[in-house]
Protein backbone atom coordinates (compact mmCIF):
# COMPACT_ATOMS: atom_id res chain seq x y z
CA MET A 1 0.00 0.00 0.00
CA ALA A 2 1.11 3.55 -0.70
CA ARG A 3 2.14 5.41 2.41
CA GLN A 4 -0.36 8.10 3.33
CA VAL A 5 0.86 11.64 3.87
CA SER A 6 0.34 12.69 7.49
CA GLY A 7 -1.27 16.02 8.32
CA LYS A 8 2.00 17.40 9.61
CA GLN A 9 3.63 16.87 6.21
CA TRP A 10 1.14 18.86 4.15
CA PHE A 11 2.58 22.30 4.83
CA PRO A 12 6.27 21.30 4.48
CA GLY A 13 5.27 19.70 1.18
CA PHE A 14 3.73 22.98 0.05
CA LEU A 15 6.89 24.89 1.06
CA LEU A 16 9.08 22.49 -0.93
CA ALA A 17 6.85 22.74 -4.02
CA TRP A 18 6.79 26.54 -3.75
CA LEU A 19 10.57 26.65 -3.40
CA LEU A 20 11.08 24.51 -6.50
CA LEU A 21 8.62 26.60 -8.54
CA ASN A 22 10.41 29.82 -7.60
CA LEU A 23 13.87 28.35 -8.25
CA PHE A 24 12.69 27.38 -11.73
CA GLN A 25 11.21 30.84 -12.28
CA ALA A 26 14.33 32.59 -11.00
CA ALA A 27 16.65 30.58 -13.24
CA PHE A 28 14.70 31.01 -16.49
CA THR A 29 13.34 34.57 -16.22
CA GLU A 30 15.38 37.50 -17.50
CA LEU A 31 16.30 40.19 -14.98
CA ASP A 32 14.11 43.24 -14.70
CA PRO A 33 16.16 46.49 -15.04
CA ASP A 34 15.64 47.29 -11.36
CA GLU A 35 17.09 43.90 -10.42
CA ALA A 36 20.11 44.66 -12.59
CA TYR A 37 20.40 48.02 -10.81
CA TYR A 38 20.48 46.25 -7.44
CA TRP A 39 23.04 43.82 -8.87
CA LEU A 40 25.24 46.85 -9.57
CA TYR A 41 24.80 47.77 -5.90
CA SER A 42 26.20 44.36 -4.98
CA THR A 43 29.38 44.96 -6.97
CA ASP A 44 30.22 47.87 -4.65
CA LEU A 45 29.04 46.95 -1.14
CA ASP A 46 28.39 49.85 1.18
CA TRP A 47 26.27 50.73 4.22
CA GLY A 48 23.71 52.42 2.03
CA TYR A 49 22.62 53.38 -1.47
CA PHE A 50 20.72 56.29 -2.94
CA ASP A 51 17.37 54.50 -3.24
CA HIS A 52 17.52 51.82 -0.54
CA PRO A 53 19.36 50.43 2.47
CA PRO A 54 21.98 47.74 1.77
CA MET A 55 20.19 44.43 2.49
CA VAL A 56 19.26 43.84 -1.16
CA ALA A 57 22.89 44.31 -2.25
CA LEU A 58 24.19 41.96 0.45
CA LEU A 59 21.80 39.15 -0.54
CA ILE A 60 22.64 39.50 -4.23
CA ARG A 61 26.37 39.51 -3.49
CA ALA A 62 26.02 36.33 -1.43
CA GLY A 63 24.00 34.63 -4.18
CA THR A 64 26.35 35.56 -7.01
CA LEU A 65 29.29 34.15 -5.04
CA LEU A 66 27.52 30.78 -5.12
CA LEU A 67 25.79 30.71 -8.50
CA PRO A 68 26.11 32.50 -11.87
CA GLY A 69 23.53 34.40 -13.88
CA GLU A 70 19.97 35.26 -12.93
CA LEU A 71 19.67 32.42 -10.41
CA GLY A 72 22.70 33.71 -8.51
CA VAL A 73 21.20 37.20 -8.30
CA ARG A 74 17.89 35.82 -7.01
CA PHE A 75 18.97 32.75 -5.05
CA PHE A 76 18.64 34.04 -1.48
CA PHE A 77 15.43 35.91 -2.28
CA VAL A 78 13.94 32.58 -3.38
CA LEU A 79 15.05 30.94 -0.14
CA LEU A 80 13.64 33.70 2.05
CA GLN A 81 10.01 33.30 1.00
CA PRO A 82 9.46 29.71 2.21
CA LEU A 83 11.07 30.78 5.48
CA SER A 84 8.62 33.69 5.62
CA PHE A 85 5.73 31.28 5.05
CA TYR A 86 7.02 29.08 7.87
CA PHE A 87 6.69 31.93 10.37
CA ILE A 88 3.21 32.71 9.04
CA TRP A 89 2.36 29.04 9.64
CA LEU A 90 3.54 29.43 13.24
CA LEU A 91 1.44 32.58 13.64
CA ALA A 92 -1.57 30.71 12.24
CA GLY A 93 -1.27 28.12 14.99
CA LYS A 94 0.67 25.41 13.11
CA PRO A 95 -2.34 24.09 11.16
CA SER A 96 -1.90 20.43 10.18
CA GLY A 97 -5.38 19.34 9.06
CA LYS A 98 -5.82 19.06 5.32
CA PRO A 99 -8.53 21.76 4.96
CA ASP A 100 -6.63 24.23 7.14
CA VAL A 101 -3.31 23.63 5.38
CA PHE A 102 -4.93 23.97 1.97
CA THR A 103 -6.59 27.21 3.08
CA LEU A 104 -3.38 28.78 4.39
CA ALA A 105 -1.24 27.51 1.50
CA GLY A 106 -3.87 28.67 -0.99
CA LEU A 107 -3.94 32.14 0.51
CA LEU A 108 -0.16 32.49 0.38
CA ALA A 109 0.05 31.17 -3.18
CA ALA A 110 -2.85 33.29 -4.43
CA VAL A 111 -1.72 36.76 -3.34
CA PRO A 112 -0.32 38.04 -6.67
CA ILE A 113 2.33 40.27 -5.19
CA LEU A 114 3.70 37.44 -3.04
CA GLY A 115 4.09 35.35 -6.18
CA ALA A 116 6.18 38.10 -7.78
CA TYR A 117 8.43 38.62 -4.77
CA GLY A 118 9.02 34.91 -4.44
CA PHE A 119 11.66 34.99 -7.18
CA ILE A 120 12.70 38.55 -8.11
CA ALA A 121 15.57 40.33 -6.35
CA THR A 122 14.25 43.55 -4.83
CA PRO A 123 14.26 45.07 -1.32
CA ASP A 124 10.69 43.79 -0.85
CA GLY A 125 11.91 40.18 -0.54
CA PRO A 126 13.89 40.68 2.69
CA LEU A 127 11.24 43.16 3.89
CA LEU A 128 8.62 40.41 3.65
CA PHE A 129 10.84 37.87 5.42
CA PHE A 130 11.65 40.18 8.32
CA THR A 131 7.99 41.25 8.50
CA ALA A 132 6.96 37.63 9.08
CA LEU A 133 9.79 37.12 11.56
CA PHE A 134 9.00 40.37 13.37
CA LEU A 135 5.31 39.51 13.74
CA TRP A 136 6.16 36.08 15.17
CA LEU A 137 8.79 37.52 17.55
CA TYR A 138 6.34 40.21 18.62
CA ARG A 139 3.80 37.53 19.60
CA GLU A 140 6.46 35.54 21.47
CA PHE A 141 7.67 38.71 23.18
CA LEU A 142 4.14 39.47 24.39
CA GLU A 143 3.51 35.93 25.61
CA LYS A 144 6.92 34.98 27.03
CA GLY A 145 9.06 38.10 27.31
CA GLY A 146 12.63 37.41 28.37
CA TRP A 147 16.04 38.48 27.14
CA LEU A 148 16.17 36.13 24.17
CA PHE A 149 13.08 37.53 22.47
CA THR A 150 14.11 41.08 23.43
CA LEU A 151 17.45 40.57 21.71
CA LEU A 152 15.90 38.96 18.62
CA LEU A 153 13.21 41.63 18.39
CA GLY A 154 15.83 44.40 18.41
CA ILE A 155 17.93 42.67 15.75
CA THR A 156 14.85 42.17 13.58
CA MET A 157 13.86 45.83 13.91
CA ALA A 158 17.25 46.77 12.51
CA ALA A 159 16.97 44.13 9.77
CA LEU A 160 13.58 45.56 8.72
CA LEU A 161 15.13 49.00 8.33
CA TYR A 162 18.17 47.61 6.52
CA SER A 163 15.74 45.95 4.07
CA LYS A 164 13.52 48.91 3.23
CA TYR A 165 12.56 52.17 4.90
CA HIS A 166 8.93 51.03 5.00
CA GLY A 167 9.99 48.89 7.95
CA VAL A 168 9.67 51.95 10.19
CA LEU A 169 5.93 52.06 9.40
CA LEU A 170 5.56 48.43 10.45
CA ILE A 171 7.27 49.09 13.80
CA PHE A 172 5.31 52.30 14.37
CA PHE A 173 1.87 50.85 13.69
CA ILE A 174 2.59 47.78 15.84
CA LEU A 175 3.50 50.14 18.68
CA LEU A 176 0.37 52.21 18.02
CA SER A 177 -1.76 49.06 18.29
CA ASN A 178 -0.40 48.33 21.78
CA LEU A 179 0.66 51.48 23.64
CA SER A 180 1.24 49.39 26.79
CA LEU A 181 4.61 48.58 25.20
CA LEU A 182 5.64 52.07 26.32
CA ARG A 183 5.42 50.77 29.89
CA THR A 184 7.60 47.74 29.09
CA PRO A 185 11.34 48.29 29.79
CA LEU A 186 12.36 45.34 27.60
CA PHE A 187 10.67 46.95 24.58
CA TYR A 188 12.84 50.03 25.10
CA LEU A 189 15.93 47.83 25.24
CA ALA A 190 14.91 46.12 21.99
CA SER A 191 14.34 49.48 20.33
CA ILE A 192 17.68 50.87 21.52
CA LEU A 193 19.47 47.77 20.23
CA GLY A 194 17.76 48.13 16.85
CA PHE A 195 18.74 51.80 16.69
CA ILE A 196 22.39 51.06 17.55
CA LEU A 197 22.57 48.37 14.86
CA PHE A 198 21.11 50.83 12.33
CA LEU A 199 23.63 53.57 13.15
CA PRO A 200 26.14 52.61 10.41
CA HIS A 201 23.50 53.31 7.77
CA LEU A 202 22.53 56.59 9.42
CA TYR A 203 26.20 57.61 9.43
CA TRP A 204 26.43 56.73 5.73
CA GLN A 205 23.42 58.99 5.11
CA TYR A 206 25.11 61.80 7.06
CA GLU A 207 28.37 61.43 5.12
CA ASN A 208 26.52 61.62 1.80
CA GLY A 209 24.15 64.47 2.67
CA PHE A 210 21.09 62.29 3.50
CA PRO A 211 20.30 61.59 -0.18
CA SER A 212 17.76 58.81 0.42
CA PHE A 213 15.79 60.68 3.05
CA LEU A 214 15.66 63.89 1.04
CA TYR A 215 14.59 62.07 -2.11
CA HIS A 216 11.87 59.95 -0.49
CA LEU A 217 10.51 62.79 1.65
CA GLN A 218 10.82 65.68 -0.84
CA GLY A 219 12.05 64.54 -4.24
CA ARG A 220 8.92 62.60 -5.16
CA ASP A 221 6.46 65.50 -4.76
CA ASP A 222 4.49 66.22 -7.94
CA LEU A 223 1.50 68.34 -8.82
CA TYR A 224 -1.59 66.37 -7.77
CA LYS A 225 -3.46 64.30 -10.33
CA LEU A 226 -6.64 62.39 -9.54
CA LYS A 227 -5.19 59.30 -11.22
CA TYR A 228 -2.55 59.02 -8.46
CA THR A 229 -5.27 58.28 -5.92
CA THR A 230 -7.55 56.16 -8.12
CA THR A 231 -4.61 54.09 -9.38
CA TYR A 232 -3.42 53.53 -5.82
CA LEU A 233 -6.86 52.25 -4.75
CA LEU A 234 -7.23 49.99 -7.79
CA ASN A 235 -3.72 48.60 -7.31
CA GLN A 236 -4.60 47.46 -3.80
CA LEU A 237 -7.46 45.43 -5.25
CA VAL A 238 -5.20 43.84 -7.86
CA ILE A 239 -2.07 43.03 -5.84
CA PHE A 240 -4.04 41.34 -3.05
CA SER A 241 -6.31 39.40 -5.48
CA PRO A 242 -9.59 40.81 -6.82
CA PHE A 243 -11.31 37.65 -5.54
CA LEU A 244 -9.95 37.72 -1.99
CA PHE A 245 -9.86 41.47 -1.36
CA PRO A 246 -13.68 41.83 -1.05
CA MET A 247 -13.67 38.96 1.45
CA LEU A 248 -11.08 40.83 3.52
CA ILE A 249 -13.27 43.95 3.52
CA TRP A 250 -16.17 41.80 4.76
CA VAL A 251 -14.04 40.46 7.64
CA LEU A 252 -12.90 43.95 8.61
CA TRP A 253 -16.51 45.13 8.59
CA LYS A 254 -18.12 42.20 10.41
CA ARG A 255 -15.50 41.10 12.95
CA ARG A 256 -13.99 42.91 15.90
CA ALA A 257 -10.33 42.35 16.69
CA ALA A 258 -9.81 39.57 19.23
CA GLY A 259 -6.49 39.83 21.03
CA ALA A 260 -3.28 41.79 20.57
CA MET A 261 -2.25 40.10 17.31
CA GLU A 262 -5.53 40.68 15.46
CA ARG A 263 -5.45 44.26 16.72
CA ALA A 264 -1.91 44.58 15.35
CA TYR A 265 -2.98 43.24 11.96
CA ARG A 266 -5.80 45.76 11.71
CA PHE A 267 -3.58 48.67 12.73
CA LEU A 268 -1.10 47.64 10.06
CA LEU A 269 -3.81 47.50 7.39
CA TYR A 270 -5.45 50.79 8.30
CA GLY A 271 -2.14 52.51 8.99
CA PHE A 272 -0.43 51.54 5.73
CA TRP A 273 -3.53 52.21 3.62
CA LEU A 274 -4.16 55.64 5.15
CA PHE A 275 -0.49 56.64 5.01
CA PHE A 276 -0.13 55.81 1.32
CA PHE A 277 -3.58 57.23 0.56
CA TYR A 278 -2.19 60.50 1.92
CA THR A 279 1.02 60.19 -0.15
CA SER A 280 -1.09 59.65 -3.29
CA PHE A 281 -1.90 63.37 -3.04
CA LYS A 282 1.83 64.09 -3.41
CA GLY A 283 2.61 61.79 -6.34
CA HIS A 284 2.41 58.28 -7.74
CA VAL A 285 2.28 55.43 -5.20
CA GLU A 286 4.00 52.22 -6.31
CA PRO A 287 1.83 49.10 -5.79
CA GLN A 288 4.53 47.24 -3.85
CA TRP A 289 4.77 49.88 -1.14
CA THR A 290 2.04 48.05 0.80
CA VAL A 291 3.45 44.56 0.19
CA ALA A 292 4.07 44.04 3.94
CA LEU A 293 0.27 43.79 4.35
CA SER A 294 0.23 40.45 2.50
CA PHE A 295 0.83 38.46 5.66
CA PRO A 296 -1.69 40.22 7.94
CA ILE A 297 -4.27 39.81 5.17
CA ALA A 298 -3.54 36.09 4.81
CA LEU A 299 -3.69 35.56 8.57
CA MET A 300 -6.98 37.43 8.96
CA LEU A 301 -8.63 35.51 6.12
CA PHE A 302 -7.28 32.25 7.53
CA GLY A 303 -8.63 33.07 10.98
CA GLU A 304 -12.10 33.76 9.58
CA SER A 305 -11.94 30.52 7.56
CA ARG A 306 -11.39 28.56 10.77
CA ARG A 307 -14.32 30.25 12.48
CA ASN A 308 -16.60 29.94 9.47
CA PRO A 309 -16.23 26.72 7.36
CA GLY A 310 -18.45 28.11 4.60
CA PHE A 311 -16.21 31.17 4.33
CA GLY A 312 -13.20 28.85 4.25
CA ARG A 313 -14.59 26.90 1.28
CA TRP A 314 -14.95 30.11 -0.72
CA VAL A 315 -11.43 31.19 0.28
CA ARG A 316 -10.07 27.89 -1.08
CA ILE A 317 -12.08 28.22 -4.29
CA PHE A 318 -10.99 31.81 -4.92
CA SER A 319 -7.39 31.02 -3.98
CA LEU A 320 -7.29 28.16 -6.48
CA ALA A 321 -8.89 30.34 -9.17
CA THR A 322 -6.33 33.11 -8.57
CA PHE A 323 -3.38 30.70 -8.65
CA VAL A 324 -4.62 29.05 -11.86
CA LEU A 325 -4.86 32.48 -13.48
CA LEU A 326 -1.41 33.50 -12.26
CA LEU A 327 0.46 30.35 -13.30
CA PRO A 328 0.33 31.00 -17.09
CA ALA A 329 1.53 34.55 -16.48
CA ARG A 330 4.51 33.23 -14.52
CA LEU A 331 5.36 30.75 -17.27
CA GLU A 332 5.08 33.53 -19.85
CA LEU A 333 7.63 35.57 -17.91
CA ALA A 334 10.07 32.67 -18.15
CA PHE A 335 9.52 31.57 -21.77
CA ASN A 336 7.82 34.53 -23.49
CA TRP A 337 5.74 32.26 -25.73
CA THR A 338 3.36 35.05 -26.75
CA GLY A 339 6.06 37.62 -27.46
CA MET A 340 4.78 39.89 -24.70
CA LYS A 341 6.80 43.11 -24.42
CA SER A 342 7.85 43.62 -20.83
CA ASP A 343 11.00 44.59 -18.94
CA PHE A 344 11.62 40.87 -18.35
CA HIS A 345 12.06 40.31 -22.10
CA ARG A 346 14.32 43.10 -23.31
CA ARG A 347 17.94 42.08 -23.26
CA ALA A 348 18.47 41.67 -27.03
CA TRP A 349 19.04 45.42 -27.41
CA ALA A 350 21.99 45.22 -25.00
CA TYR A 351 23.86 42.78 -27.24
CA GLU A 352 23.07 44.88 -30.32
CA LEU A 353 24.41 48.00 -28.63
CA GLN A 354 27.47 46.06 -27.47
CA GLU A 355 28.33 45.35 -31.11
CA ARG A 356 28.11 49.05 -31.94
CA ALA A 357 30.31 49.96 -28.96
CA GLU A 358 33.13 47.78 -30.34
CA GLY A 359 34.60 47.16 -26.89
CA HIS A 360 34.57 50.83 -25.83
CA PRO A 361 32.82 52.13 -22.68
CA VAL A 362 29.22 53.27 -23.02
CA LEU A 363 27.90 56.41 -21.35
CA PHE A 364 24.10 56.47 -20.88
CA GLN A 365 22.11 59.65 -20.43
CA ASN A 366 19.19 59.63 -17.97
CA SER A 367 18.73 55.90 -17.48
CA TYR A 368 20.08 54.01 -14.48
CA ARG A 369 17.90 51.10 -15.60
CA ASP A 370 19.34 50.78 -19.12
CA VAL A 371 22.95 51.03 -17.97
CA SER A 372 22.30 48.38 -15.33
CA LYS A 373 20.80 45.87 -17.73
CA TYR A 374 23.50 46.57 -20.31
CA SER A 375 26.24 46.02 -17.72
CA PHE A 376 24.75 42.76 -16.43
CA TYR A 377 24.15 41.08 -19.78
CA THR A 378 27.23 42.27 -21.65
CA GLY A 379 29.76 42.52 -18.85
CA GLU A 380 31.09 45.69 -20.50
CA GLN A 381 32.14 48.93 -18.82
CA ALA A 382 29.28 51.42 -18.73
CA TYR A 383 28.22 54.47 -16.75
CA ALA A 384 25.20 56.76 -16.50
CA PHE A 385 24.80 60.48 -15.85
CA SER A 386 21.66 62.41 -14.97
CA ASP A 387 20.65 65.93 -15.88
CA ILE A 388 18.06 68.31 -14.48
CA GLU A 389 15.23 66.53 -16.34
CA TYR A 390 15.81 63.13 -14.68
CA ARG A 391 15.61 61.76 -11.17
CA PRO A 392 18.81 61.41 -9.10
CA ASN A 393 20.09 57.87 -8.44
CA GLN A 394 23.06 55.87 -7.22
CA PHE A 395 25.25 56.99 -10.12
CA ASP A 396 25.13 60.50 -8.63
CA ILE A 397 26.87 59.11 -5.55
CA TRP A 398 29.31 56.76 -7.23
CA ASP A 399 32.45 58.24 -8.71
CA LYS A 400 32.92 55.67 -11.46
CA GLU A 401 32.84 58.26 -14.24
CA ARG A 402 36.48 59.13 -13.53
CA ALA A 403 37.49 55.79 -15.12
CA LEU A 404 36.18 57.14 -18.45
CA HIS A 405 38.18 60.39 -18.37
CA ASP A 406 40.03 61.16 -21.60
CA LYS A 407 38.72 57.93 -23.18
CA ARG A 408 36.79 57.28 -26.37
CA VAL A 409 33.21 56.67 -25.28
CA LEU A 410 29.91 55.88 -27.00
CA LEU A 411 27.29 58.34 -25.77
CA VAL A 412 23.81 56.78 -25.65
CA ALA A 413 21.14 59.46 -25.16
CA GLN A 414 17.37 59.63 -25.12
CA ASN A 415 15.43 60.39 -28.28
CA ASN A 416 14.60 63.96 -27.22
CA TRP A 417 18.24 65.02 -27.71
CA LYS A 418 18.26 67.73 -30.40
CA CYS A 419 21.64 66.81 -31.84
CA GLU A 420 23.24 67.59 -35.20
CA ASN A 421 25.81 64.82 -35.69
CA CYS A 422 24.29 61.95 -33.74
CA GLU A 423 22.70 58.80 -35.14
CA LYS A 424 19.31 57.42 -34.21
CA VAL A 425 19.44 53.63 -33.80
CA GLU A 426 16.48 51.27 -33.66
CA LEU A 427 17.33 48.23 -31.54
CA THR A 428 15.09 45.39 -30.41
CA GLN A 429 12.36 47.09 -28.36
CA LYS A 430 14.64 50.08 -27.77
CA SER A 431 15.73 53.19 -29.62
CA PHE A 432 18.45 55.69 -28.76
CA LYS A 433 20.46 58.52 -30.21
CA ILE A 434 24.18 57.75 -30.16
CA GLN A 435 27.40 59.62 -30.87
CA TRP A 436 31.08 58.83 -30.40
CA LEU A 437 32.92 61.11 -27.99
CA ASP A 438 36.69 61.46 -28.10
CA SER A 439 38.52 62.49 -24.91
CA LEU A 440 35.48 62.47 -22.61
CA GLN A 441 35.97 64.98 -19.79
CA ALA A 442 34.58 63.51 -16.56
CA ALA A 443 32.92 66.28 -14.52
CA GLY A 444 30.25 64.58 -12.42
CA LYS A 445 31.64 65.80 -9.06
CA VAL A 446 32.59 69.33 -10.16
CA GLN A 447 31.06 72.06 -7.99
CA CYS A 448 30.12 75.60 -8.93
CA LEU A 449 30.29 78.31 -6.26
CA LEU A 450 28.04 81.36 -6.75
CA PRO A 451 28.51 84.79 -5.14
CA ASP A 452 26.75 85.18 -1.78
CA ASN A 453 24.76 88.22 -2.93
CA LEU A 454 23.50 86.70 -6.19
CA GLY A 455 19.76 86.83 -6.68
CA GLY A 456 17.07 89.50 -6.46
CA ARG A 457 15.46 91.10 -9.51
CA TRP A 458 16.77 90.45 -13.01
CA SER A 459 15.68 92.07 -16.26
CA VAL A 460 14.93 90.20 -19.46
CA GLY A 461 17.42 90.72 -22.28
CA PRO A 462 20.37 92.67 -20.82
CA GLN A 463 23.43 90.57 -20.22
CA ALA A 464 24.01 89.44 -16.65
CA ALA A 465 27.60 89.20 -15.41
CA PHE A 466 28.97 87.93 -12.10
CA PRO A 467 32.01 85.98 -10.86
CA VAL A 468 31.76 82.20 -10.41
CA LYS A 469 34.16 79.56 -9.15
CA PHE A 470 34.39 75.95 -10.33
CA TYR A 471 36.03 73.44 -7.99
CA ASN A 472 37.52 70.31 -9.56
CA PRO A 473 37.90 67.52 -6.95
CA TYR A 474 39.49 65.08 -9.41
CA PRO A 475 43.23 64.27 -9.63
CA PHE A 476 43.25 65.33 -13.30
CA ASP A 477 42.64 68.53 -15.24
CA ILE A 478 39.27 68.97 -16.96
CA GLY A 479 39.35 70.74 -20.30
CA LEU A 480 36.19 72.72 -21.00
CA ARG A 481 36.94 72.82 -24.73
CA LYS A 482 38.36 69.36 -25.12
CA GLY A 483 36.74 66.42 -26.90
CA THR A 484 34.03 65.86 -29.48
CA LEU A 485 31.28 67.47 -27.40
CA PRO A 486 32.99 69.96 -25.05
CA LEU A 487 31.49 70.84 -21.68
CA LEU A 488 29.29 73.93 -21.76
CA ALA A 489 28.20 76.11 -18.84
CA LYS A 490 24.46 76.76 -18.76
CA GLY A 491 22.11 78.59 -16.48
CA VAL A 492 19.14 76.69 -15.08
CA PHE A 493 15.85 78.45 -14.30
CA LEU A 494 13.40 76.34 -12.30
CA ARG A 495 9.86 76.96 -11.11
CA GLU A 496 8.06 74.49 -8.81
CA GLY A 497 10.92 72.07 -9.34
CA VAL A 498 10.53 72.04 -13.14
CA ALA A 499 13.31 73.35 -15.37
CA ARG A 500 12.03 76.15 -17.65
CA SER A 501 15.11 77.39 -19.51
CA TYR A 502 18.85 76.69 -20.00
CA PRO A 503 20.58 79.80 -21.38
CA LEU A 504 24.18 79.31 -22.51
CA ILE A 505 26.75 80.95 -20.23
CA SER A 506 30.02 82.38 -21.49
CA LEU A 507 32.94 81.85 -19.08
CA GLU A 508 35.62 84.52 -19.40
CA GLY A 509 38.77 85.68 -17.65
CA ALA A 510 40.74 82.43 -17.26
CA PRO A 511 41.95 79.48 -19.34
CA LEU A 512 39.00 77.22 -20.07
CA ALA A 513 40.25 74.36 -17.95
CA LEU A 514 39.64 73.22 -14.38
CA PRO A 515 42.95 72.36 -12.70
CA ALA A 516 43.16 69.10 -10.72
CA GLY A 517 42.14 69.49 -7.09
CA ASP A 518 41.85 73.26 -7.42
CA THR A 519 39.39 76.09 -8.02
CA ALA A 520 39.15 78.16 -11.22
CA VAL A 521 37.56 81.63 -11.22
CA PHE A 522 35.58 82.95 -14.21
CA GLU A 523 33.23 85.75 -15.06
CA ALA A 524 29.88 84.32 -16.12
CA ARG A 525 27.98 86.23 -18.82
CA PHE A 526 24.56 85.40 -20.26
CA SER A 527 21.30 87.00 -21.31
CA VAL A 528 18.08 86.29 -19.44
CA PRO A 529 15.65 84.69 -21.95
CA ASP A 530 12.69 86.88 -22.85
CA SER A 531 10.39 83.86 -22.46
CA LEU A 532 10.77 84.09 -18.67
CA SER A 533 8.76 86.17 -16.26
CA GLY A 534 8.20 85.99 -12.51
CA PRO A 535 9.92 84.12 -9.67
CA TYR A 536 12.44 81.33 -10.35
CA GLN A 537 15.22 79.39 -8.74
CA PHE A 538 18.49 79.84 -10.58
CA GLY A 539 21.62 77.70 -10.67
CA ILE A 540 24.52 76.86 -12.97
CA GLY A 541 25.27 73.49 -14.51
CA LEU A 542 27.41 71.80 -17.13
CA SER A 543 26.25 69.90 -20.19
CA ARG A 544 27.42 68.58 -23.54
CA ASP A 545 25.96 69.95 -26.76
CA ALA A 546 22.17 70.44 -26.62
CA LEU A 547 21.70 68.03 -23.73
CA PRO A 548 20.14 69.56 -20.59
CA PRO A 549 22.64 70.44 -17.86
CA ASP A 550 22.90 69.02 -14.38
CA VAL A 551 23.09 71.55 -11.54
CA LYS A 552 26.52 72.16 -10.03
CA SER A 553 25.65 75.09 -7.76
CA ARG A 554 23.22 75.95 -5.04
CA LEU A 555 19.92 77.45 -6.16
CA VAL A 556 19.19 81.15 -5.59
CA GLU A 557 15.87 82.97 -5.69
CA VAL A 558 15.45 85.45 -8.55
CA VAL A 559 12.55 87.43 -10.01
CA VAL A 560 12.61 88.04 -13.75
CA GLU A 561 10.96 91.28 -14.86
């Protein structure tokens, strides 16, 4: 007779099957550009990065030391999710009966966003793992206390923050759900330990001018559009399953929280949803920003399924329906049978561009994603620079551009470049404008110092003139007239954070070169464009040809009359 599977083996069997599915997916699915970006992080380990804390880079580095290619990049992210599910199983009461196991496993397999973060390498993978671990440790801390759980809770708090900044919301809303923690000395000790462990990242932020905090708190603000809010609300329905989400709303409406854990789950749901509803009035909200709610949602639906068998049957039916619908999409990501155009199926252009580069470095304009994917799949030297019309990123912190100084480089720019001698190339699912640059002058870290009294009221038309200083921190001279596309000084007029005009600035009074490790003084002359009127912020930047400049100086307030 065939040996029957005991109840205790059902959930481990699900974890093994889920692990194998995600290993398969990770090995055969092309990297998304963001994953390639995080892979670049891993090639230069640090305590922090522009967009995220360092956990994602550390996991990728560990995986690529063990395995090559896409599977190496994703290996530890794949391992983390079954471990996350194990802690959710513990929080659910270690269900072993077939109906209960099928309900919990179905819920975990049917949440679309959990399926995605089971194999791709992003900060959300470790965030989910440490969310599950934190929730379990929080329960054990409440029930048992003691030094062991205090120590582990503090370490996990730090790990949440090292994974993604959203971890602070998780900790805050858990505390808000149980203010009696403020009368618990061991909770303070756990919090202090977590803070101490997080100090290296905070020091990295301080050393680099707090780039991540400034960007996430200020740099994402946009003029409000109704679609930001409506898209945010619709995304919540999609990422947590259109079938299961209405059932969750029913549970929240009909049931009162029973106990500290259910209260914590509800505070997390309401807290995250309200916080990101508020941020939708400041700009676009990415769907994955609420991914940490996946586990509280699964646990609440599982709890209701246990109390109400009829509800449980519908949960299993809807979970199976969702998984069946998701499985072909996952296979399509791996094999691209239908020819779907997505970021998981766009590496052919990198090889085509590699042929055009002929072994020379490639310099990308305004695309940290393209340079990352190109670097991963070709293994060639590449770099990216950003101008005033693009968002800042890790390349603004790195100083890798200096390796390209005085070299022959292929410039790869966006299609809006109004160039005279460039070539537009149509690659597979990509198009660029390219031009060869001889003797590239690296100037990413150059600083421009404006006079203290600059600003006030300026008139349209008449030429403005004032002294400026350019500081060159590099160990080499920078020629402002050297190379195919020499560096040009340009003024930058901004209003409400949007660049409005870039008048060309003439630099006079000194040789047009920036000496190594020294400051050069010039007189800046330019005419205020007659298209401008009213208040602006003004700065000075450098650019090549008709490309927009970056900003090298502080911004001063001016009024154009």
